[in-house]
C-alpha atoms as a PDB file:
ATOM      1  CA  MET A   1     -68.073  -4.232 -96.032  1.00  0.00           C
ATOM      2  CA  THR A   2     -70.013  -7.380 -95.161  1.00  0.00           C
ATOM      3  CA  ILE A   3     -72.007  -9.307 -97.734  1.00  0.00           C
ATOM      4  CA  LYS A   4     -75.270  -8.479 -95.903  1.00  0.00           C
ATOM      5  CA  ARG A   5     -74.502  -4.754 -95.934  1.00  0.00           C
ATOM      6  CA  ALA A   6     -73.532  -4.869 -99.600  1.00  0.00           C
ATOM      7  CA  LEU A   7     -76.780  -6.666-100.453  1.00  0.00           C
ATOM      8  CA  PHE A   8     -78.759  -4.144 -98.401  1.00  0.00           C
ATOM      9  CA  LEU A   9     -77.158  -1.186-100.209  1.00  0.00           C
ATOM     10  CA  LEU A  10     -77.749  -2.895-103.548  1.00  0.00           C
ATOM     11  CA  LEU A  11     -81.432  -3.326-102.706  1.00  0.00           C
ATOM     12  CA  VAL A  12     -81.699   0.323-101.638  1.00  0.00           C
ATOM     13  CA  VAL A  13     -80.100   1.527-104.866  1.00  0.00           C
ATOM     14  CA  ALA A  14     -82.323  -0.779-106.924  1.00  0.00           C
ATOM     15  CA  GLY A  15     -85.394   0.453-105.053  1.00  0.00           C
ATOM     16  CA  LEU A  16     -84.499   4.091-105.629  1.00  0.00           C
ATOM     17  CA  ALA A  17     -83.842   3.435-109.305  1.00  0.00           C
ATOM     18  CA  ALA A  18     -87.192   1.681-109.644  1.00  0.00           C
ATOM     19  CA  ALA A  19     -88.960   4.561-107.869  1.00  0.00           C
ATOM     20  CA  ILE A  20     -87.322   7.161-110.115  1.00  0.00           C
ATOM     21  CA  LEU A  21     -88.184   5.147-113.214  1.00  0.00           C
ATOM     22  CA  GLY A  22     -91.751   4.750-111.973  1.00  0.00           C
ATOM     23  CA  LEU A  23     -92.092   8.501-111.417  1.00  0.00           C
ATOM     24  CA  HIS A  24     -90.704   9.128-114.896  1.00  0.00           C
ATOM     25  CA  PHE A  25     -93.304   6.915-116.561  1.00  0.00           C
ATOM     26  CA  PHE A  26     -96.117   8.193-114.328  1.00  0.00           C
ATOM     27  CA  SER A  27     -95.223  11.798-115.130  1.00  0.00           C
ATOM     28  CA  LYS A  28     -95.567  11.059-118.867  1.00  0.00           C
ATOM     29  CA  SER A  29     -98.760   9.016-118.624  1.00  0.00           C
ATOM     30  CA  ARG A  30    -101.366  10.083-121.144  1.00  0.00           C
ATOM     31  CA  THR A  31    -104.302   8.622-119.243  1.00  0.00           C
ATOM     32  CA  VAL A  32    -103.532   8.972-115.506  1.00  0.00           C
ATOM     33  CA  GLN A  33    -102.480  11.879-113.316  1.00  0.00           C
ATOM     34  CA  SER A  34    -102.542  12.567-109.592  1.00  0.00           C
ATOM     35  CA  PHE A  35    -105.430  15.081-109.655  1.00  0.00           C
ATOM     36  CA  GLY A  36    -108.138  16.236-112.024  1.00  0.00           C
ATOM     37  CA  SER A  37    -109.298  15.370-115.513  1.00  0.00           C
ATOM     38  CA  ILE A  38    -106.871  14.040-118.142  1.00  0.00           C
ATOM     39  CA  ILE A  39    -107.965  13.138-121.673  1.00  0.00           C
ATOM     40  CA  ALA A  40    -105.957  11.374-124.378  1.00  0.00           C
ATOM     41  CA  ARG A  41    -108.849  10.058-126.468  1.00  0.00           C
ATOM     42  CA  VAL A  42    -112.630  10.111-126.276  1.00  0.00           C
ATOM     43  CA  GLU A  43    -114.579   6.864-126.336  1.00  0.00           C
ATOM     44  CA  THR A  44    -117.197   7.400-129.014  1.00  0.00           C
ATOM     45  CA  ALA A  45    -118.977   5.422-131.707  1.00  0.00           C
ATOM     46  CA  LYS A  46    -118.819   8.423-134.026  1.00  0.00           C
ATOM     47  CA  PRO A  47    -115.990   8.758-136.597  1.00  0.00           C
ATOM     48  CA  VAL A  48    -114.707  12.062-135.235  1.00  0.00           C
ATOM     49  CA  VAL A  49    -111.107  13.095-134.661  1.00  0.00           C
ATOM     50  CA  ALA A  50    -109.312  16.162-133.285  1.00  0.00           C
ATOM     51  CA  LEU A  51    -106.227  17.614-134.941  1.00  0.00           C
ATOM     52  CA  THR A  52    -104.059  19.455-132.402  1.00  0.00           C
ATOM     53  CA  PHE A  53    -100.974  21.582-132.990  1.00  0.00           C
ATOM     54  CA  ASP A  54     -98.410  22.459-130.310  1.00  0.00           C
ATOM     55  CA  ASP A  55     -96.238  25.566-130.050  1.00  0.00           C
ATOM     56  CA  GLY A  56     -96.431  28.894-131.791  1.00  0.00           C
ATOM     57  CA  PRO A  57     -97.922  30.950-133.164  1.00  0.00           C
ATOM     58  CA  SER A  58     -95.154  31.534-135.659  1.00  0.00           C
ATOM     59  CA  ALA A  59     -94.694  34.643-137.786  1.00  0.00           C
ATOM     60  CA  ARG A  60     -93.438  32.524-140.661  1.00  0.00           C
ATOM     61  CA  TYR A  61     -95.626  29.408-140.724  1.00  0.00           C
ATOM     62  CA  THR A  62     -98.984  30.197-139.095  1.00  0.00           C
ATOM     63  CA  GLN A  63    -100.522  31.546-142.293  1.00  0.00           C
ATOM     64  CA  SER A  64     -99.565  28.529-144.412  1.00  0.00           C
ATOM     65  CA  VAL A  65    -100.981  26.088-141.834  1.00  0.00           C
ATOM     66  CA  LEU A  66    -104.205  28.080-141.596  1.00  0.00           C
ATOM     67  CA  ALA A  67    -104.444  28.153-145.389  1.00  0.00           C
ATOM     68  CA  ILE A  68    -104.371  24.330-145.528  1.00  0.00           C
ATOM     69  CA  LEU A  69    -107.075  24.060-142.880  1.00  0.00           C
ATOM     70  CA  ARG A  70    -109.192  26.774-144.491  1.00  0.00           C
ATOM     71  CA  GLU A  71    -108.954  25.213-147.941  1.00  0.00           C
ATOM     72  CA  ARG A  72    -110.164  21.880-146.585  1.00  0.00           C
ATOM     73  CA  GLY A  73    -112.746  23.270-144.170  1.00  0.00           C
ATOM     74  CA  VAL A  74    -111.091  21.853-141.033  1.00  0.00           C
ATOM     75  CA  LYS A  75    -111.281  23.270-137.522  1.00  0.00           C
ATOM     76  CA  ALA A  76    -108.377  22.312-135.269  1.00  0.00           C
ATOM     77  CA  THR A  77    -107.086  23.016-131.765  1.00  0.00           C
ATOM     78  CA  PHE A  78    -103.910  25.064-131.303  1.00  0.00           C
ATOM     79  CA  PHE A  79    -102.012  24.791-128.014  1.00  0.00           C
ATOM     80  CA  LEU A  80    -100.061  28.044-127.954  1.00  0.00           C
ATOM     81  CA  THR A  81     -97.268  29.243-125.697  1.00  0.00           C
ATOM     82  CA  GLY A  82     -97.798  32.582-123.994  1.00  0.00           C
ATOM     83  CA  LYS A  83     -94.441  34.013-125.013  1.00  0.00           C
ATOM     84  CA  GLU A  84     -94.936  33.278-128.709  1.00  0.00           C
ATOM     85  CA  THR A  85     -98.528  34.508-128.539  1.00  0.00           C
ATOM     86  CA  GLU A  86     -97.333  37.842-127.166  1.00  0.00           C
ATOM     87  CA  GLU A  87     -94.556  38.055-129.757  1.00  0.00           C
ATOM     88  CA  ASN A  88     -96.804  37.043-132.678  1.00  0.00           C
ATOM     89  CA  LEU A  89    -100.158  38.483-131.680  1.00  0.00           C
ATOM     90  CA  PRO A  90    -101.364  39.098-135.273  1.00  0.00           C
ATOM     91  CA  GLN A  91    -100.853  35.398-136.053  1.00  0.00           C
ATOM     92  CA  ALA A  92    -102.656  34.382-132.853  1.00  0.00           C
ATOM     93  CA  ARG A  93    -105.555  36.579-133.888  1.00  0.00           C
ATOM     94  CA  MET A  94    -105.602  34.862-137.291  1.00  0.00           C
ATOM     95  CA  ILE A  95    -106.024  31.504-135.543  1.00  0.00           C
ATOM     96  CA  VAL A  96    -108.876  32.852-133.444  1.00  0.00           C
ATOM     97  CA  GLY A  97    -110.422  34.642-136.426  1.00  0.00           C
ATOM     98  CA  ASP A  98    -110.538  31.403-138.414  1.00  0.00           C
ATOM     99  CA  GLY A  99    -112.633  29.812-135.668  1.00  0.00           C
ATOM    100  CA  HIS A 100    -110.101  27.366-134.262  1.00  0.00           C
ATOM    101  CA  GLN A 101    -109.955  26.334-130.614  1.00  0.00           C
ATOM    102  CA  VAL A 102    -107.011  27.706-128.620  1.00  0.00           C
ATOM    103  CA  GLY A 103    -105.414  25.951-125.656  1.00  0.00           C
ATOM    104  CA  ASN A 104    -102.710  26.870-123.143  1.00  0.00           C
ATOM    105  CA  TYR A 105     -99.271  25.287-123.604  1.00  0.00           C
ATOM    106  CA  SER A 106     -97.563  27.270-120.795  1.00  0.00           C
ATOM    107  CA  TYR A 107     -95.699  30.552-121.196  1.00  0.00           C
ATOM    108  CA  THR A 108     -92.102  29.385-121.737  1.00  0.00           C
ATOM    109  CA  HIS A 109     -92.561  25.699-122.698  1.00  0.00           C
ATOM    110  CA  SER A 110     -90.530  24.586-119.681  1.00  0.00           C
ATOM    111  CA  ASN A 111     -90.724  21.171-118.050  1.00  0.00           C
ATOM    112  CA  MET A 112     -93.336  21.664-115.305  1.00  0.00           C
ATOM    113  CA  MET A 113     -92.876  18.293-113.591  1.00  0.00           C
ATOM    114  CA  PHE A 114     -91.098  19.700-110.516  1.00  0.00           C
ATOM    115  CA  MET A 115     -92.061  23.348-110.949  1.00  0.00           C
ATOM    116  CA  GLY A 116     -93.238  25.254-107.860  1.00  0.00           C
ATOM    117  CA  SER A 117     -96.790  26.495-107.467  1.00  0.00           C
ATOM    118  CA  ALA A 118     -95.953  30.195-107.923  1.00  0.00           C
ATOM    119  CA  ARG A 119     -94.131  29.564-111.197  1.00  0.00           C
ATOM    120  CA  ILE A 120     -96.917  27.249-112.430  1.00  0.00           C
ATOM    121  CA  THR A 121     -99.493  29.937-111.702  1.00  0.00           C
ATOM    122  CA  GLU A 122     -97.447  32.515-113.627  1.00  0.00           C
ATOM    123  CA  GLU A 123     -96.839  30.177-116.592  1.00  0.00           C
ATOM    124  CA  ILE A 124    -100.524  29.371-116.986  1.00  0.00           C
ATOM    125  CA  GLU A 125    -102.177  32.669-116.103  1.00  0.00           C
ATOM    126  CA  ARG A 126     -99.805  34.782-118.182  1.00  0.00           C
ATOM    127  CA  THR A 127    -100.558  32.542-121.168  1.00  0.00           C
ATOM    128  CA  ASP A 128    -104.303  32.759-120.506  1.00  0.00           C
ATOM    129  CA  ALA A 129    -103.997  36.545-120.587  1.00  0.00           C
ATOM    130  CA  ALA A 130    -102.149  36.459-123.922  1.00  0.00           C
ATOM    131  CA  ILE A 131    -104.777  34.140-125.414  1.00  0.00           C
ATOM    132  CA  ARG A 132    -107.569  36.462-124.265  1.00  0.00           C
ATOM    133  CA  THR A 133    -105.696  39.428-125.764  1.00  0.00           C
ATOM    134  CA  ALA A 134    -105.750  37.535-129.066  1.00  0.00           C
ATOM    135  CA  GLY A 135    -109.544  37.568-128.838  1.00  0.00           C
ATOM    136  CA  TYR A 136    -110.280  33.995-127.826  1.00  0.00           C
ATOM    137  CA  GLU A 137    -113.397  33.688-125.676  1.00  0.00           C
ATOM    138  CA  GLY A 138    -113.867  29.911-125.264  1.00  0.00           C
ATOM    139  CA  GLU A 139    -112.748  27.542-122.528  1.00  0.00           C
ATOM    140  CA  ILE A 140    -108.949  27.423-122.341  1.00  0.00           C
ATOM    141  CA  MET A 141    -107.822  23.825-121.913  1.00  0.00           C
ATOM    142  CA  PHE A 142    -104.242  22.963-120.952  1.00  0.00           C
ATOM    143  CA  ARG A 143    -101.538  20.716-122.372  1.00  0.00           C
ATOM    144  CA  PRO A 144     -98.355  20.212-120.320  1.00  0.00           C
ATOM    145  CA  PRO A 145     -95.042  20.788-122.154  1.00  0.00           C
ATOM    146  CA  TYR A 146     -93.455  17.437-123.055  1.00  0.00           C
ATOM    147  CA  GLY A 147     -96.604  15.837-121.605  1.00  0.00           C
ATOM    148  CA  LYS A 148     -94.973  15.906-118.150  1.00  0.00           C
ATOM    149  CA  LYS A 149     -96.777  16.503-114.875  1.00  0.00           C
ATOM    150  CA  LEU A 150     -96.533  15.025-111.387  1.00  0.00           C
ATOM    151  CA  LEU A 151     -98.199  16.607-108.329  1.00  0.00           C
ATOM    152  CA  THR A 152     -98.231  20.400-108.228  1.00  0.00           C
ATOM    153  CA  LEU A 153     -99.319  20.990-111.829  1.00  0.00           C
ATOM    154  CA  PRO A 154    -102.264  18.529-111.751  1.00  0.00           C
ATOM    155  CA  TRP A 155    -103.293  19.963-108.370  1.00  0.00           C
ATOM    156  CA  TYR A 156    -103.352  23.488-109.793  1.00  0.00           C
ATOM    157  CA  LEU A 157    -105.348  22.377-112.843  1.00  0.00           C
ATOM    158  CA  SER A 158    -107.822  20.415-110.726  1.00  0.00           C
ATOM    159  CA  HIS A 159    -108.216  23.308-108.278  1.00  0.00           C
ATOM    160  CA  HIS A 160    -109.029  25.629-111.198  1.00  0.00           C
ATOM    161  CA  ASP A 161    -111.270  23.107-112.992  1.00  0.00           C
ATOM    162  CA  ARG A 162    -108.926  22.865-115.994  1.00  0.00           C
ATOM    163  CA  LYS A 163    -108.806  19.875-118.320  1.00  0.00           C
ATOM    164  CA  THR A 164    -105.437  18.296-119.170  1.00  0.00           C
ATOM    165  CA  ILE A 165    -105.454  17.383-122.864  1.00  0.00           C
ATOM    166  CA  MET A 166    -103.008  14.712-124.023  1.00  0.00           C
ATOM    167  CA  TRP A 167    -103.094  12.625-127.230  1.00  0.00           C
ATOM    168  CA  ASP A 168    -103.143   9.067-128.560  1.00  0.00           C
ATOM    169  CA  VAL A 169    -101.615   9.554-132.031  1.00  0.00           C
ATOM    170  CA  GLU A 170     -98.081  11.003-132.041  1.00  0.00           C
ATOM    171  CA  PRO A 171     -96.294  10.458-135.388  1.00  0.00           C
ATOM    172  CA  GLU A 172     -93.300  12.645-134.552  1.00  0.00           C
ATOM    173  CA  SER A 173     -92.180  10.292-131.772  1.00  0.00           C
ATOM    174  CA  PHE A 174     -91.145   7.669-134.360  1.00  0.00           C
ATOM    175  CA  PRO A 175     -87.897   8.689-136.146  1.00  0.00           C
ATOM    176  CA  ASP A 176     -88.537   6.526-139.210  1.00  0.00           C
ATOM    177  CA  VAL A 177     -91.954   8.174-139.584  1.00  0.00           C
ATOM    178  CA  ALA A 178     -91.118  11.751-138.617  1.00  0.00           C
ATOM    179  CA  GLU A 179     -88.598  12.265-141.436  1.00  0.00           C
ATOM    180  CA  ASP A 180     -90.719  10.980-144.333  1.00  0.00           C
ATOM    181  CA  THR A 181     -93.860  12.765-145.478  1.00  0.00           C
ATOM    182  CA  ALA A 182     -95.624   9.715-146.912  1.00  0.00           C
ATOM    183  CA  ALA A 183     -94.754   7.538-143.904  1.00  0.00           C
ATOM    184  CA  PHE A 184     -95.874  10.312-141.557  1.00  0.00           C
ATOM    185  CA  ALA A 185     -99.277  10.602-143.201  1.00  0.00           C
ATOM    186  CA  LYS A 186     -99.689   6.821-143.477  1.00  0.00           C
ATOM    187  CA  HIS A 187     -98.940   6.360-139.778  1.00  0.00           C
ATOM    188  CA  VAL A 188    -101.564   8.894-138.709  1.00  0.00           C
ATOM    189  CA  ILE A 189    -104.201   7.587-141.112  1.00  0.00           C
ATOM    190  CA  GLU A 190    -103.692   3.997-139.952  1.00  0.00           C
ATOM    191  CA  GLN A 191    -103.410   4.695-136.211  1.00  0.00           C
ATOM    192  CA  THR A 192    -106.367   7.048-135.844  1.00  0.00           C
ATOM    193  CA  LYS A 193    -109.524   5.688-134.190  1.00  0.00           C
ATOM    194  CA  ASN A 194    -112.899   7.158-133.340  1.00  0.00           C
ATOM    195  CA  GLY A 195    -112.276   9.896-130.798  1.00  0.00           C
ATOM    196  CA  SER A 196    -108.521  10.145-131.393  1.00  0.00           C
ATOM    197  CA  ILE A 197    -106.517  13.241-130.538  1.00  0.00           C
ATOM    198  CA  ILE A 198    -103.633  13.736-132.968  1.00  0.00           C
ATOM    199  CA  ILE A 199    -100.622  15.812-131.911  1.00  0.00           C
ATOM    200  CA  MET A 200     -98.414  17.570-134.463  1.00  0.00           C
ATOM    201  CA  HIS A 201     -95.859  20.397-134.420  1.00  0.00           C
ATOM    202  CA  VAL A 202     -96.078  22.610-137.489  1.00  0.00           C
ATOM    203  CA  MET A 203     -94.833  26.044-136.452  1.00  0.00           C
ATOM    204  CA  TYR A 204     -91.081  25.799-136.997  1.00  0.00           C
ATOM    205  CA  ARG A 205     -88.664  25.386-139.876  1.00  0.00           C
ATOM    206  CA  SER A 206     -87.620  21.947-138.575  1.00  0.00           C
ATOM    207  CA  ARG A 207     -91.193  20.636-138.993  1.00  0.00           C
ATOM    208  CA  GLU A 208     -91.450  20.831-142.777  1.00  0.00           C
ATOM    209  CA  VAL A 209     -92.358  17.131-143.011  1.00  0.00           C
ATOM    210  CA  SER A 210     -95.244  17.665-140.583  1.00  0.00           C
ATOM    211  CA  ARG A 211     -96.577  20.584-142.630  1.00  0.00           C
ATOM    212  CA  GLN A 212     -96.282  18.651-145.886  1.00  0.00           C
ATOM    213  CA  ALA A 213     -98.072  15.673-144.341  1.00  0.00           C
ATOM    214  CA  LEU A 214    -100.990  17.744-143.041  1.00  0.00           C
ATOM    215  CA  PRO A 215    -103.084  17.876-146.253  1.00  0.00           C
ATOM    216  CA  LEU A 216    -102.386  14.181-146.897  1.00  0.00           C
ATOM    217  CA  ILE A 217    -103.594  13.342-143.387  1.00  0.00           C
ATOM    218  CA  ILE A 218    -106.777  15.350-143.783  1.00  0.00           C
ATOM    219  CA  ASP A 219    -107.585  13.818-147.167  1.00  0.00           C
ATOM    220  CA  GLY A 220    -106.698  10.288-146.021  1.00  0.00           C
ATOM    221  CA  LEU A 221    -108.767  10.426-142.858  1.00  0.00           C
ATOM    222  CA  ARG A 222    -111.727  11.834-144.754  1.00  0.00           C
ATOM    223  CA  GLN A 223    -111.480   8.923-147.144  1.00  0.00           C
ATOM    224  CA  ARG A 224    -111.792   6.676-144.076  1.00  0.00           C
ATOM    225  CA  GLY A 225    -114.962   8.554-143.139  1.00  0.00           C
ATOM    226  CA  PHE A 226    -113.620  10.736-140.320  1.00  0.00           C
ATOM    227  CA  GLU A 227    -114.949  14.187-139.468  1.00  0.00           C
ATOM    228  CA  PHE A 228    -112.595  16.789-137.990  1.00  0.00           C
ATOM    229  CA  VAL A 229    -113.654  18.591-134.830  1.00  0.00           C
ATOM    230  CA  THR A 230    -112.011  20.652-132.109  1.00  0.00           C
ATOM    231  CA  VAL A 231    -111.135  19.048-128.778  1.00  0.00           C
ATOM    232  CA  ALA A 232    -114.077  20.864-127.180  1.00  0.00           C
ATOM    233  CA  GLN A 233    -116.424  19.409-129.798  1.00  0.00           C
ATOM    234  CA  LEU A 234    -114.831  15.986-129.400  1.00  0.00           C
ATOM    235  CA  LEU A 235    -115.649  16.002-125.697  1.00  0.00           C
ATOM    236  CA  GLU A 236    -119.310  16.568-126.552  1.00  0.00           C
ATOM    237  CA  ASN A 237    -119.490  13.276-128.495  1.00  0.00           C
ATOM    238  CA  PRO A 238    -120.768  10.318-126.422  1.00  0.00           C
END
Protein backbone atom coordinates (compact mmCIF):
# COMPACT_ATOMS: atom_id res chain seq x y z
CA MET A 1 0.00 0.00 0.00
CA THR A 2 1.34 3.42 -0.96
CA ILE A 3 1.68 6.24 1.54
CA LYS A 4 -0.95 8.30 -0.34
CA ARG A 5 -3.46 5.44 -0.23
CA ALA A 6 -2.77 4.83 3.45
CA LEU A 7 -3.29 8.53 4.21
CA PHE A 8 -6.50 8.53 2.17
CA LEU A 9 -7.89 5.52 4.06
CA LEU A 10 -6.87 7.11 7.36
CA LEU A 11 -8.75 10.28 6.44
CA VAL A 12 -11.83 8.27 5.44
CA VAL A 13 -11.81 6.35 8.71
CA ALA A 14 -11.31 9.57 10.69
CA GLY A 15 -14.15 11.23 8.78
CA LEU A 16 -16.51 8.33 9.44
CA ALA A 17 -15.58 8.30 13.12
CA ALA A 18 -16.20 12.04 13.36
CA ALA A 19 -19.57 11.67 11.61
CA ILE A 20 -20.64 8.85 13.93
CA LEU A 21 -19.55 10.83 16.98
CA GLY A 22 -21.38 13.88 15.66
CA LEU A 23 -24.59 11.88 15.17
CA HIS A 24 -24.24 10.49 18.69
CA PHE A 25 -24.03 13.94 20.26
CA PHE A 26 -26.76 15.35 18.00
CA SER A 27 -29.09 12.49 18.88
CA LYS A 28 -28.69 13.30 22.60
CA SER A 29 -28.99 17.08 22.26
CA ARG A 30 -31.40 18.58 24.75
CA THR A 31 -32.01 21.75 22.77
CA VAL A 32 -31.84 20.83 19.06
CA GLN A 33 -33.53 18.18 16.94
CA SER A 34 -34.13 17.72 13.23
CA PHE A 35 -37.88 18.51 13.28
CA GLY A 36 -40.43 20.04 15.62
CA SER A 37 -40.42 21.57 19.07
CA ILE A 38 -37.89 20.51 21.72
CA ILE A 39 -37.82 22.01 25.22
CA ALA A 40 -35.19 21.54 27.92
CA ARG A 41 -35.88 24.70 29.94
CA VAL A 42 -38.20 27.68 29.68
CA GLU A 43 -36.78 31.19 29.64
CA THR A 44 -38.78 33.02 32.28
CA ALA A 45 -38.26 35.70 34.90
CA LYS A 46 -40.55 33.83 37.28
CA PRO A 47 -39.11 31.44 39.91
CA VAL A 48 -40.98 28.39 38.63
CA VAL A 49 -39.63 24.88 38.14
CA ALA A 50 -41.00 21.56 36.85
CA LEU A 51 -40.29 18.27 38.59
CA THR A 52 -40.47 15.37 36.13
CA PHE A 53 -40.30 11.64 36.81
CA ASP A 54 -39.46 9.00 34.20
CA ASP A 55 -40.64 5.39 34.03
CA GLY A 56 -43.40 3.58 35.83
CA PRO A 57 -45.93 3.56 37.21
CA SER A 58 -44.72 1.07 39.77
CA ALA A 59 -46.92 -1.12 41.96
CA ARG A 60 -44.46 -0.77 44.82
CA TYR A 61 -43.29 2.86 44.78
CA THR A 62 -45.95 5.02 43.11
CA GLN A 63 -47.95 5.51 46.30
CA SER A 64 -44.95 6.62 48.38
CA VAL A 65 -43.87 9.16 45.73
CA LEU A 66 -47.40 10.52 45.47
CA ALA A 67 -47.59 10.77 49.26
CA ILE A 68 -44.50 13.01 49.33
CA LEU A 69 -45.92 15.27 46.63
CA ARG A 70 -49.36 15.36 48.25
CA GLU A 71 -47.96 16.20 51.68
CA ARG A 72 -46.03 19.14 50.24
CA GLY A 73 -48.71 20.30 47.80
CA VAL A 74 -46.59 19.75 44.67
CA LYS A 75 -47.84 18.96 41.18
CA ALA A 76 -45.34 17.16 38.97
CA THR A 77 -45.13 15.62 35.50
CA PHE A 78 -44.85 11.84 35.13
CA PHE A 79 -43.50 10.41 31.88
CA LEU A 80 -44.92 6.89 31.91
CA THR A 81 -44.21 3.88 29.73
CA GLY A 82 -47.19 2.25 28.08
CA LYS A 83 -46.31 -1.27 29.18
CA GLU A 84 -46.01 -0.33 32.86
CA THR A 85 -49.16 1.79 32.64
CA GLU A 86 -51.10 -1.21 31.35
CA GLU A 87 -49.59 -3.49 34.00
CA ASN A 88 -50.12 -1.01 36.86
CA LEU A 89 -53.30 0.77 35.83
CA PRO A 90 -54.50 1.45 39.41
CA GLN A 91 -51.24 3.30 40.13
CA ALA A 92 -51.53 5.27 36.88
CA ARG A 93 -55.02 6.28 37.90
CA MET A 94 -53.67 7.44 41.27
CA ILE A 95 -51.25 9.76 39.45
CA VAL A 96 -54.06 11.16 37.32
CA GLY A 97 -56.40 11.40 40.31
CA ASP A 98 -53.88 13.49 42.24
CA GLY A 99 -53.89 16.05 39.42
CA HIS A 100 -50.41 15.47 38.02
CA GLN A 101 -49.51 15.88 34.36
CA VAL A 102 -48.84 12.65 32.44
CA GLY A 103 -46.49 12.36 29.48
CA ASN A 104 -45.60 9.59 27.03
CA TYR A 105 -42.26 7.81 27.53
CA SER A 106 -42.83 5.18 24.79
CA TYR A 107 -44.32 1.72 25.28
CA THR A 108 -41.22 -0.43 25.87
CA HIS A 109 -38.55 2.18 26.75
CA SER A 110 -36.45 1.16 23.75
CA ASN A 111 -33.85 3.33 22.06
CA MET A 112 -35.82 5.04 19.27
CA MET A 113 -32.86 6.66 17.51
CA PHE A 114 -32.92 4.32 14.49
CA MET A 115 -36.41 2.90 14.97
CA GLY A 116 -38.65 2.61 11.90
CA SER A 117 -41.79 4.69 11.46
CA ALA A 118 -44.23 1.80 12.00
CA ARG A 119 -42.62 0.81 15.30
CA ILE A 120 -42.45 4.46 16.44
CA THR A 121 -46.15 4.88 15.71
CA GLU A 122 -46.97 1.74 17.72
CA GLU A 123 -44.72 2.74 20.65
CA ILE A 124 -46.30 6.18 20.96
CA GLU A 125 -49.93 5.48 20.11
CA ARG A 126 -50.18 2.37 22.27
CA THR A 127 -48.84 4.40 25.20
CA ASP A 128 -51.27 7.24 24.47
CA ALA A 129 -54.11 4.72 24.63
CA ALA A 130 -52.91 3.38 28.00
CA ILE A 131 -52.64 6.91 29.40
CA ARG A 132 -56.18 7.71 28.24
CA THR A 133 -57.41 4.47 29.83
CA ALA A 134 -55.92 5.74 33.09
CA GLY A 135 -58.24 8.74 32.79
CA TYR A 136 -55.83 11.45 31.70
CA GLU A 137 -57.47 14.07 29.49
CA GLY A 138 -54.75 16.71 29.00
CA GLU A 139 -52.19 17.17 26.24
CA ILE A 140 -49.81 14.21 26.13
CA MET A 141 -46.26 15.47 25.65
CA PHE A 142 -43.41 13.11 24.74
CA ARG A 143 -39.99 12.34 26.17
CA PRO A 144 -37.67 10.05 24.17
CA PRO A 145 -36.13 7.11 26.07
CA TYR A 146 -32.50 7.88 26.94
CA GLY A 147 -33.12 11.32 25.41
CA LYS A 148 -32.21 9.89 21.98
CA LYS A 149 -33.78 10.89 18.69
CA LEU A 150 -32.47 11.49 15.18
CA LEU A 151 -34.74 11.79 12.12
CA THR A 152 -37.79 9.53 12.09
CA LEU A 153 -38.90 10.13 15.68
CA PRO A 154 -38.72 13.96 15.50
CA TRP A 155 -40.49 13.83 12.13
CA TYR A 156 -43.34 11.79 13.61
CA LEU A 157 -43.64 14.13 16.60
CA SER A 158 -43.58 17.23 14.41
CA HIS A 159 -46.13 15.74 12.01
CA HIS A 160 -48.46 15.07 14.95
CA ASP A 161 -47.79 18.42 16.66
CA ARG A 162 -46.18 16.77 19.70
CA LYS A 163 -43.71 18.54 21.97
CA THR A 164 -40.42 16.82 22.85
CA ILE A 165 -39.69 17.48 26.53
CA MET A 166 -36.08 17.17 27.68
CA TRP A 167 -34.45 18.58 30.85
CA ASP A 168 -31.64 20.80 32.11
CA VAL A 169 -31.09 19.37 35.62
CA GLU A 170 -30.12 15.68 35.72
CA PRO A 171 -28.60 14.67 39.09
CA GLU A 172 -28.54 10.94 38.35
CA SER A 173 -26.00 11.40 35.55
CA PHE A 174 -23.27 12.22 38.11
CA PRO A 175 -22.12 9.06 39.97
CA ASP A 176 -20.77 10.95 42.98
CA VAL A 177 -24.14 12.69 43.32
CA ALA A 178 -26.50 9.85 42.44
CA GLU A 179 -25.38 7.60 45.31
CA ASP A 180 -25.62 10.14 48.15
CA THR A 181 -28.93 11.60 49.27
CA ALA A 182 -27.56 14.88 50.61
CA ALA A 183 -25.31 15.42 47.58
CA PHE A 184 -28.20 14.58 45.26
CA ALA A 185 -30.48 17.16 46.85
CA LYS A 186 -27.71 19.78 47.05
CA HIS A 187 -26.91 19.36 43.36
CA VAL A 188 -30.51 19.90 42.29
CA ILE A 189 -31.05 22.85 44.62
CA GLU A 190 -27.88 24.58 43.40
CA GLN A 191 -28.28 23.84 39.68
CA THR A 192 -31.94 24.77 39.30
CA LYS A 193 -32.77 28.07 37.56
CA ASN A 194 -35.98 29.85 36.68
CA GLY A 195 -37.80 27.64 34.20
CA SER A 196 -35.73 24.51 34.87
CA ILE A 197 -37.00 21.02 34.11
CA ILE A 198 -35.64 18.49 36.60
CA ILE A 199 -35.49 14.81 35.63
CA MET A 200 -35.55 12.05 38.26
CA HIS A 201 -36.27 8.31 38.31
CA VAL A 202 -38.15 7.23 41.42
CA MET A 203 -40.15 4.14 40.47
CA TYR A 204 -37.69 1.31 41.08
CA ARG A 205 -35.89 -0.30 43.99
CA SER A 206 -32.52 0.91 42.65
CA ARG A 207 -33.63 4.56 42.97
CA GLU A 208 -33.93 4.75 46.76
CA VAL A 209 -31.52 7.71 46.91
CA SER A 210 -33.70 9.62 44.44
CA ARG A 211 -36.82 8.98 46.51
CA GLN A 212 -35.09 9.99 49.74
CA ALA A 213 -33.80 13.18 48.10
CA LEU A 214 -37.21 14.22 46.79
CA PRO A 215 -38.57 15.90 49.96
CA LEU A 216 -35.20 17.58 50.55
CA ILE A 217 -35.27 18.96 47.01
CA ILE A 218 -38.79 20.30 47.38
CA ASP A 219 -38.04 21.95 50.72
CA GLY A 220 -34.69 23.34 49.53
CA LEU A 221 -36.06 24.83 46.33
CA ARG A 222 -38.96 26.39 48.20
CA GLN A 223 -36.48 28.01 50.54
CA ARG A 224 -34.89 29.53 47.42
CA GLY A 225 -38.30 30.91 46.46
CA PHE A 226 -39.24 28.45 43.71
CA GLU A 227 -42.80 27.41 42.90
CA PHE A 228 -43.46 23.93 41.51
CA VAL A 229 -45.55 23.60 38.36
CA THR A 230 -46.22 20.98 35.71
CA VAL A 231 -44.42 21.16 32.37
CA ALA A 232 -47.65 22.37 30.75
CA GLN A 233 -47.89 25.19 33.30
CA LEU A 234 -44.20 25.97 32.87
CA LEU A 235 -44.72 26.52 29.15
CA GLU A 236 -47.38 29.12 29.95
CA ASN A 237 -44.85 31.30 31.83
CA PRO A 238 -43.27 34.05 29.68
